[in-house]
Amino acid sequence: MASRQRIQETLRDFMDKAKYTVIEGADYFCGWADPKGTPQPIPAGGVMRSTGYTHDGPCEVWLDEVRVLEGGNCHESLPGKDYTIDY
């Protein structure tokens, strides 16, 4: 039986190659980083804050082309909202 499964190395790879259209009304302020936005300073103490992970599944944090945080099920492995990252 031939498999139609595609293999992605990262969640970012999956999202970059996804063949779908973001729903109407979605924009860079809701779930996407604005590539033309103002660069932000590195947070004090290397702590990144998010809204937390409310769904099961993978997550990644990227700084430019470097994946600095990842998890297979971030709802379990990263239950808080603050993450220390080695910038």
N, C-alpha and C. Protein backbone atom coordinates (compact mmCIF):
# COMPACT_ATOMS: atom_id res chain seq x y z
N MET A 1 0.85 -1.18 0.00
CA MET A 1 0.00 0.00 0.00
C MET A 1 0.89 1.24 0.00
N ALA A 2 0.67 2.12 -0.92
CA ALA A 2 1.47 3.34 -1.01
C ALA A 2 1.01 4.34 0.05
N SER A 3 1.97 4.96 0.67
CA SER A 3 1.65 5.94 1.71
C SER A 3 1.71 7.34 1.11
N ARG A 4 0.73 8.16 1.46
CA ARG A 4 0.71 9.54 1.00
C ARG A 4 1.19 10.47 2.09
N GLN A 5 1.74 9.90 3.15
CA GLN A 5 2.18 10.69 4.30
C GLN A 5 3.37 11.56 3.92
N ARG A 6 3.31 12.82 4.32
CA ARG A 6 4.44 13.72 4.13
C ARG A 6 5.17 13.85 5.45
N ILE A 7 6.47 13.91 5.37
CA ILE A 7 7.29 14.03 6.58
C ILE A 7 7.85 15.45 6.64
N GLN A 8 7.62 16.12 7.75
CA GLN A 8 8.19 17.44 7.99
C GLN A 8 9.19 17.31 9.13
N GLU A 9 10.28 18.06 9.03
CA GLU A 9 11.28 18.02 10.08
C GLU A 9 10.88 18.86 11.28
N THR A 10 10.13 19.92 11.06
CA THR A 10 9.74 20.81 12.15
C THR A 10 8.29 21.25 11.95
N LEU A 11 7.70 21.76 13.01
CA LEU A 11 6.36 22.32 12.90
C LEU A 11 6.36 23.52 11.96
N ARG A 12 7.44 24.28 11.99
CA ARG A 12 7.56 25.44 11.09
C ARG A 12 7.56 24.98 9.63
N ASP A 13 8.26 23.89 9.34
CA ASP A 13 8.28 23.33 7.99
C ASP A 13 6.86 22.95 7.56
N PHE A 14 6.13 22.33 8.46
CA PHE A 14 4.75 21.95 8.18
C PHE A 14 3.90 23.18 7.86
N MET A 15 4.02 24.21 8.68
CA MET A 15 3.21 25.41 8.47
C MET A 15 3.61 26.15 7.19
N ASP A 16 4.92 26.20 6.90
CA ASP A 16 5.38 26.88 5.70
C ASP A 16 4.91 26.19 4.43
N LYS A 17 4.76 24.86 4.47
CA LYS A 17 4.37 24.09 3.29
C LYS A 17 2.88 23.75 3.26
N ALA A 18 2.14 24.20 4.24
CA ALA A 18 0.71 23.86 4.32
C ALA A 18 -0.04 24.42 3.12
N LYS A 19 -0.96 23.63 2.62
CA LYS A 19 -1.76 24.06 1.48
C LYS A 19 -3.16 24.40 1.96
N TYR A 20 -3.26 25.52 2.60
CA TYR A 20 -4.55 25.97 3.11
C TYR A 20 -4.54 27.49 3.12
N THR A 21 -5.69 28.06 3.29
CA THR A 21 -5.83 29.51 3.39
C THR A 21 -6.26 29.84 4.81
N VAL A 22 -5.60 30.78 5.40
CA VAL A 22 -5.99 31.22 6.74
C VAL A 22 -7.39 31.82 6.64
N ILE A 23 -8.20 31.59 7.64
CA ILE A 23 -9.59 32.05 7.59
C ILE A 23 -9.68 33.57 7.45
N GLU A 24 -10.75 34.01 6.87
CA GLU A 24 -10.98 35.44 6.68
C GLU A 24 -10.94 36.17 8.02
N GLY A 25 -10.26 37.28 8.06
CA GLY A 25 -10.16 38.06 9.28
C GLY A 25 -8.91 37.77 10.09
N ALA A 26 -8.24 36.64 9.81
CA ALA A 26 -6.99 36.33 10.52
C ALA A 26 -5.89 37.24 9.98
N ASP A 27 -4.99 37.64 10.83
CA ASP A 27 -3.89 38.49 10.40
C ASP A 27 -2.66 38.21 11.26
N TYR A 28 -1.61 38.97 11.05
CA TYR A 28 -0.36 38.75 11.77
C TYR A 28 -0.49 39.02 13.26
N PHE A 29 -1.53 39.68 13.69
CA PHE A 29 -1.71 39.96 15.10
C PHE A 29 -2.39 38.80 15.82
N CYS A 30 -2.81 37.80 15.07
CA CYS A 30 -3.53 36.67 15.65
C CYS A 30 -2.89 35.36 15.20
N GLY A 31 -1.85 34.93 15.89
CA GLY A 31 -1.27 33.63 15.59
C GLY A 31 -0.09 33.62 14.66
N TRP A 32 0.31 34.75 14.15
CA TRP A 32 1.46 34.80 13.24
C TRP A 32 2.36 35.96 13.65
N ALA A 33 3.66 35.81 13.37
CA ALA A 33 4.60 36.90 13.61
C ALA A 33 4.64 37.78 12.36
N ASP A 34 4.72 39.06 12.55
CA ASP A 34 4.78 40.00 11.43
C ASP A 34 6.23 40.14 10.99
N PRO A 35 6.59 39.62 9.81
CA PRO A 35 7.99 39.68 9.37
C PRO A 35 8.49 41.10 9.15
N LYS A 36 7.59 42.07 9.04
CA LYS A 36 7.99 43.47 8.85
C LYS A 36 7.86 44.27 10.14
N GLY A 37 7.56 43.58 11.24
CA GLY A 37 7.37 44.25 12.52
C GLY A 37 8.68 44.74 13.11
N THR A 38 8.58 45.58 14.10
CA THR A 38 9.75 46.13 14.79
C THR A 38 10.42 45.04 15.62
N PRO A 39 11.73 44.83 15.45
CA PRO A 39 12.43 43.84 16.28
C PRO A 39 12.28 44.18 17.76
N GLN A 40 12.07 43.18 18.56
CA GLN A 40 11.88 43.37 19.99
C GLN A 40 13.16 43.03 20.74
N PRO A 41 13.44 43.70 21.86
CA PRO A 41 14.64 43.39 22.64
C PRO A 41 14.50 42.03 23.32
N ILE A 42 15.64 41.44 23.65
CA ILE A 42 15.63 40.18 24.40
C ILE A 42 15.08 40.47 25.79
N PRO A 43 14.11 39.70 26.24
CA PRO A 43 13.52 39.95 27.55
C PRO A 43 14.52 39.78 28.69
N ALA A 44 14.32 40.52 29.76
CA ALA A 44 15.17 40.41 30.95
C ALA A 44 15.15 38.99 31.48
N GLY A 45 16.31 38.47 31.81
CA GLY A 45 16.40 37.12 32.37
C GLY A 45 16.18 36.02 31.36
N GLY A 46 16.05 36.37 30.07
CA GLY A 46 15.84 35.36 29.05
C GLY A 46 14.49 34.68 29.13
N VAL A 47 13.50 35.35 29.71
CA VAL A 47 12.18 34.74 29.91
C VAL A 47 11.22 35.20 28.81
N MET A 48 10.63 34.24 28.13
CA MET A 48 9.61 34.52 27.14
C MET A 48 8.25 34.24 27.76
N ARG A 49 7.29 35.08 27.48
CA ARG A 49 5.93 34.88 28.00
C ARG A 49 4.99 34.64 26.83
N SER A 50 4.12 33.67 27.00
CA SER A 50 3.09 33.39 26.00
C SER A 50 1.73 33.34 26.68
N THR A 51 0.73 33.02 25.92
CA THR A 51 -0.61 32.87 26.50
C THR A 51 -0.79 31.48 27.09
N GLY A 52 0.22 30.63 26.99
CA GLY A 52 0.11 29.26 27.46
C GLY A 52 -0.44 28.38 26.35
N TYR A 53 -0.35 27.08 26.55
CA TYR A 53 -0.81 26.14 25.53
C TYR A 53 -2.09 25.50 26.01
N THR A 54 -3.16 25.74 25.30
CA THR A 54 -4.46 25.24 25.72
C THR A 54 -4.92 24.03 24.94
N HIS A 55 -4.11 23.58 23.97
CA HIS A 55 -4.47 22.40 23.19
C HIS A 55 -3.31 21.41 23.19
N ASP A 56 -3.63 20.15 23.05
CA ASP A 56 -2.60 19.12 22.95
C ASP A 56 -1.95 19.20 21.58
N GLY A 57 -0.67 18.91 21.54
CA GLY A 57 0.03 18.88 20.27
C GLY A 57 1.36 19.61 20.34
N PRO A 58 2.07 19.60 19.23
CA PRO A 58 3.42 20.17 19.20
C PRO A 58 3.41 21.69 19.22
N CYS A 59 4.56 22.24 19.62
CA CYS A 59 4.77 23.69 19.56
C CYS A 59 6.25 23.95 19.34
N GLU A 60 6.55 25.10 18.80
CA GLU A 60 7.93 25.53 18.59
C GLU A 60 8.01 27.03 18.77
N VAL A 61 9.17 27.49 19.21
CA VAL A 61 9.48 28.92 19.26
C VAL A 61 10.73 29.11 18.41
N TRP A 62 10.64 30.04 17.48
CA TRP A 62 11.75 30.33 16.58
C TRP A 62 12.22 31.76 16.77
N LEU A 63 13.53 31.95 16.75
CA LEU A 63 14.14 33.28 16.70
C LEU A 63 14.89 33.33 15.38
N ASP A 64 14.36 34.06 14.45
CA ASP A 64 14.87 34.09 13.08
C ASP A 64 14.87 32.66 12.54
N GLU A 65 16.01 32.11 12.22
CA GLU A 65 16.08 30.76 11.64
C GLU A 65 16.51 29.71 12.65
N VAL A 66 16.45 30.03 13.94
CA VAL A 66 16.90 29.09 14.98
C VAL A 66 15.71 28.67 15.84
N ARG A 67 15.47 27.37 15.92
CA ARG A 67 14.42 26.85 16.80
C ARG A 67 15.00 26.80 18.21
N VAL A 68 14.43 27.58 19.12
CA VAL A 68 14.99 27.71 20.47
C VAL A 68 14.17 26.97 21.52
N LEU A 69 13.00 26.50 21.16
CA LEU A 69 12.16 25.75 22.09
C LEU A 69 11.22 24.87 21.28
N GLU A 70 11.03 23.64 21.73
CA GLU A 70 10.12 22.74 21.05
C GLU A 70 9.55 21.75 22.04
N GLY A 71 8.42 21.20 21.70
CA GLY A 71 7.81 20.18 22.52
C GLY A 71 6.81 19.38 21.72
N GLY A 72 6.71 18.10 22.01
CA GLY A 72 5.78 17.22 21.31
C GLY A 72 4.34 17.42 21.74
N ASN A 73 4.16 17.74 23.02
CA ASN A 73 2.83 18.05 23.54
C ASN A 73 3.00 19.15 24.56
N CYS A 74 2.99 20.37 24.09
CA CYS A 74 3.34 21.51 24.94
C CYS A 74 2.32 21.78 26.03
N HIS A 75 1.11 21.30 25.87
CA HIS A 75 0.10 21.44 26.92
C HIS A 75 0.57 20.72 28.18
N GLU A 76 1.28 19.60 28.02
CA GLU A 76 1.80 18.85 29.16
C GLU A 76 3.21 19.26 29.55
N SER A 77 4.10 19.41 28.56
CA SER A 77 5.51 19.67 28.88
C SER A 77 5.81 21.13 29.22
N LEU A 78 4.97 22.05 28.79
CA LEU A 78 5.15 23.48 29.06
C LEU A 78 3.83 24.06 29.57
N PRO A 79 3.41 23.65 30.77
CA PRO A 79 2.08 24.03 31.23
C PRO A 79 1.94 25.50 31.65
N GLY A 80 3.04 26.19 31.90
CA GLY A 80 2.96 27.58 32.34
C GLY A 80 2.92 28.55 31.19
N LYS A 81 3.13 29.80 31.51
CA LYS A 81 3.13 30.85 30.50
C LYS A 81 4.49 31.50 30.32
N ASP A 82 5.43 31.20 31.21
CA ASP A 82 6.78 31.77 31.14
C ASP A 82 7.78 30.66 30.83
N TYR A 83 8.68 30.93 29.88
CA TYR A 83 9.67 29.94 29.46
C TYR A 83 11.03 30.61 29.41
N THR A 84 12.03 29.97 30.00
CA THR A 84 13.39 30.49 29.94
C THR A 84 14.03 29.97 28.67
N ILE A 85 14.55 30.88 27.88
CA ILE A 85 15.18 30.53 26.61
C ILE A 85 16.60 31.07 26.60
N ASP A 86 17.52 30.26 26.11
CA ASP A 86 18.91 30.68 25.99
C ASP A 86 19.05 31.49 24.71
N TYR A 87 18.88 32.79 24.83
CA TYR A 87 18.96 33.67 23.67
C TYR A 87 20.40 33.78 23.21
